[in-house]
C-alpha atoms as a PDB file:
ATOM      1  CA  UNK A   1       0.760   3.271 -15.356  1.00  0.00           C
ATOM      2  CA  UNK A   2      -2.480   3.675 -13.505  1.00  0.00           C
ATOM      3  CA  UNK A   3      -2.842   6.157 -10.678  1.00  0.00           C
ATOM      4  CA  UNK A   4      -5.136   5.816  -7.701  1.00  0.00           C
ATOM      5  CA  UNK A   5      -6.022   8.111  -4.808  1.00  0.00           C
ATOM      6  CA  UNK A   6      -5.264   6.708  -1.363  1.00  0.00           C
ATOM      7  CA  UNK A   7      -8.457   7.030   0.682  1.00  0.00           C
ATOM      8  CA  UNK A   8      -7.648   5.127   3.894  1.00  0.00           C
ATOM      9  CA  UNK A   9      -4.597   3.723   5.676  1.00  0.00           C
ATOM     10  CA  UNK A  10      -5.194   0.317   7.252  1.00  0.00           C
ATOM     11  CA  UNK A  11      -1.703  -0.302   8.640  1.00  0.00           C
ATOM     12  CA  UNK A  12       1.911   0.439   7.721  1.00  0.00           C
ATOM     13  CA  UNK A  13       1.838  -1.546   4.467  1.00  0.00           C
ATOM     14  CA  UNK A  14      -1.858  -1.784   3.564  1.00  0.00           C
ATOM     15  CA  UNK A  15      -4.291   0.872   2.371  1.00  0.00           C
ATOM     16  CA  UNK A  16      -7.418   1.537   0.318  1.00  0.00           C
ATOM     17  CA  UNK A  17      -7.598   3.301  -3.036  1.00  0.00           C
ATOM     18  CA  UNK A  18     -10.151   4.838  -5.363  1.00  0.00           C
ATOM     19  CA  UNK A  19     -11.113   3.905  -8.001  1.00  0.00           C
ATOM     20  CA  UNK A  20     -10.994   0.151  -7.476  1.00  0.00           C
ATOM     21  CA  UNK A  21      -8.138  -1.831  -9.052  1.00  0.00           C
ATOM     22  CA  UNK A  22      -8.799  -4.743 -11.399  1.00  0.00           C
ATOM     23  CA  UNK A  23      -6.725  -7.896 -11.931  1.00  0.00           C
ATOM     24  CA  UNK A  24      -7.693 -11.188 -13.585  1.00  0.00           C
ATOM     25  CA  UNK A  25     -11.440 -10.520 -13.435  1.00  0.00           C
ATOM     26  CA  UNK A  26     -11.203  -9.523  -9.768  1.00  0.00           C
ATOM     27  CA  UNK A  27     -11.590  -6.031  -8.391  1.00  0.00           C
ATOM     28  CA  UNK A  28     -11.127  -4.345  -5.038  1.00  0.00           C
ATOM     29  CA  UNK A  29      -9.940  -1.305  -3.172  1.00  0.00           C
ATOM     30  CA  UNK A  30      -7.393  -2.745  -0.715  1.00  0.00           C
ATOM     31  CA  UNK A  31      -3.706  -2.745  -1.640  1.00  0.00           C
ATOM     32  CA  UNK A  32      -0.798  -4.435   0.142  1.00  0.00           C
ATOM     33  CA  UNK A  33       2.511  -2.797  -0.786  1.00  0.00           C
ATOM     34  CA  UNK A  34       5.260  -5.174  -1.899  1.00  0.00           C
ATOM     35  CA  UNK A  35       8.846  -4.930  -0.663  1.00  0.00           C
ATOM     36  CA  UNK A  36       8.443  -4.458   3.083  1.00  0.00           C
ATOM     37  CA  UNK A  37       6.414  -5.800   6.006  1.00  0.00           C
ATOM     38  CA  UNK A  38       5.400  -3.630   8.962  1.00  0.00           C
ATOM     39  CA  UNK A  39       4.188  -4.847  12.374  1.00  0.00           C
ATOM     40  CA  UNK A  40       0.578  -5.940  12.742  1.00  0.00           C
ATOM     41  CA  UNK A  41      -1.874  -4.240  15.103  1.00  0.00           C
ATOM     42  CA  UNK A  42      -0.976  -4.859  18.734  1.00  0.00           C
ATOM     43  CA  UNK A  43       2.734  -5.290  17.982  1.00  0.00           C
ATOM     44  CA  UNK A  44       5.496  -2.773  18.822  1.00  0.00           C
ATOM     45  CA  UNK A  45       5.925  -0.013  16.194  1.00  0.00           C
ATOM     46  CA  UNK A  46       2.538  -0.735  14.586  1.00  0.00           C
ATOM     47  CA  UNK A  47       1.253   2.810  15.122  1.00  0.00           C
ATOM     48  CA  UNK A  48       4.569   4.377  14.112  1.00  0.00           C
ATOM     49  CA  UNK A  49       4.551   2.546  10.773  1.00  0.00           C
ATOM     50  CA  UNK A  50       0.865   3.318  10.167  1.00  0.00           C
ATOM     51  CA  UNK A  51       1.407   7.015  10.908  1.00  0.00           C
ATOM     52  CA  UNK A  52       4.421   7.082   8.603  1.00  0.00           C
ATOM     53  CA  UNK A  53       2.422   5.654   5.690  1.00  0.00           C
ATOM     54  CA  UNK A  54      -0.482   7.992   6.440  1.00  0.00           C
ATOM     55  CA  UNK A  55       1.806  11.045   6.389  1.00  0.00           C
ATOM     56  CA  UNK A  56       3.384   9.855   3.150  1.00  0.00           C
ATOM     57  CA  UNK A  57       0.423   8.915   0.936  1.00  0.00           C
ATOM     58  CA  UNK A  58      -3.021   9.528   2.505  1.00  0.00           C
ATOM     59  CA  UNK A  59      -5.196  11.555   0.089  1.00  0.00           C
ATOM     60  CA  UNK A  60      -2.404  11.490  -2.488  1.00  0.00           C
ATOM     61  CA  UNK A  61      -2.029   9.811  -5.878  1.00  0.00           C
ATOM     62  CA  UNK A  62       0.013   6.602  -6.122  1.00  0.00           C
ATOM     63  CA  UNK A  63       0.877   4.272  -8.988  1.00  0.00           C
ATOM     64  CA  UNK A  64       0.222   0.539  -8.662  1.00  0.00           C
ATOM     65  CA  UNK A  65       2.702  -1.464 -10.738  1.00  0.00           C
ATOM     66  CA  UNK A  66       3.776  -5.069 -11.280  1.00  0.00           C
ATOM     67  CA  UNK A  67       0.849  -6.848  -9.601  1.00  0.00           C
ATOM     68  CA  UNK A  68       1.971 -10.111  -8.026  1.00  0.00           C
ATOM     69  CA  UNK A  69      -1.241 -11.696  -6.739  1.00  0.00           C
ATOM     70  CA  UNK A  70      -4.382 -11.116  -4.743  1.00  0.00           C
ATOM     71  CA  UNK A  71      -4.173 -12.336  -1.149  1.00  0.00           C
ATOM     72  CA  UNK A  72      -6.962 -11.991   1.415  1.00  0.00           C
ATOM     73  CA  UNK A  73      -8.774  -9.703  -1.035  1.00  0.00           C
ATOM     74  CA  UNK A  74      -5.783  -7.368  -1.241  1.00  0.00           C
ATOM     75  CA  UNK A  75      -3.777  -6.599  -4.367  1.00  0.00           C
ATOM     76  CA  UNK A  76      -0.090  -7.228  -3.674  1.00  0.00           C
ATOM     77  CA  UNK A  77       1.981  -4.961  -5.933  1.00  0.00           C
ATOM     78  CA  UNK A  78       4.739  -2.378  -6.103  1.00  0.00           C
ATOM     79  CA  UNK A  79       3.493   1.056  -5.059  1.00  0.00           C
ATOM     80  CA  UNK A  80       5.074   4.280  -6.268  1.00  0.00           C
ATOM     81  CA  UNK A  81       4.629   7.793  -4.912  1.00  0.00           C
ATOM     82  CA  UNK A  82       6.175  10.629  -6.918  1.00  0.00           C
ATOM     83  CA  UNK A  83       8.123   8.058  -8.947  1.00  0.00           C
ATOM     84  CA  UNK A  84       9.714   6.359  -5.911  1.00  0.00           C
ATOM     85  CA  UNK A  85       8.820   2.914  -4.592  1.00  0.00           C
ATOM     86  CA  UNK A  86       7.309   3.452  -1.141  1.00  0.00           C
ATOM     87  CA  UNK A  87       9.247   0.415   0.118  1.00  0.00           C
ATOM     88  CA  UNK A  88      12.295   2.704  -0.092  1.00  0.00           C
ATOM     89  CA  UNK A  89      10.770   4.812   2.702  1.00  0.00           C
ATOM     90  CA  UNK A  90      10.412   1.761   4.951  1.00  0.00           C
ATOM     91  CA  UNK A  91      13.908   0.241   4.866  1.00  0.00           C
ATOM     92  CA  UNK A  92      13.717  -0.561   8.588  1.00  0.00           C
ATOM     93  CA  UNK A  93      11.015  -3.150   7.745  1.00  0.00           C
ATOM     94  CA  UNK A  94      12.709  -4.857   4.782  1.00  0.00           C
END
């Protein structure tokens, strides 16, 4: 398992990490968490979901597991914080 530090929250299910991840000869810093889908910017509850993710993992170490694919330059994968899938914290968006 590889751990990464969360350096920026983009929205309720997308964030940046350091160091960069690597998958199939591609690399990047943006991660899209698998297992839930929060509202996009401008939609109701966008800020609530973003703040929730920020309070949970910003400046903390996460594990990126079971990469699925790269979409829009983002690594889609399962994300774990303290051994728990962060999707479990966002059941209202599953």
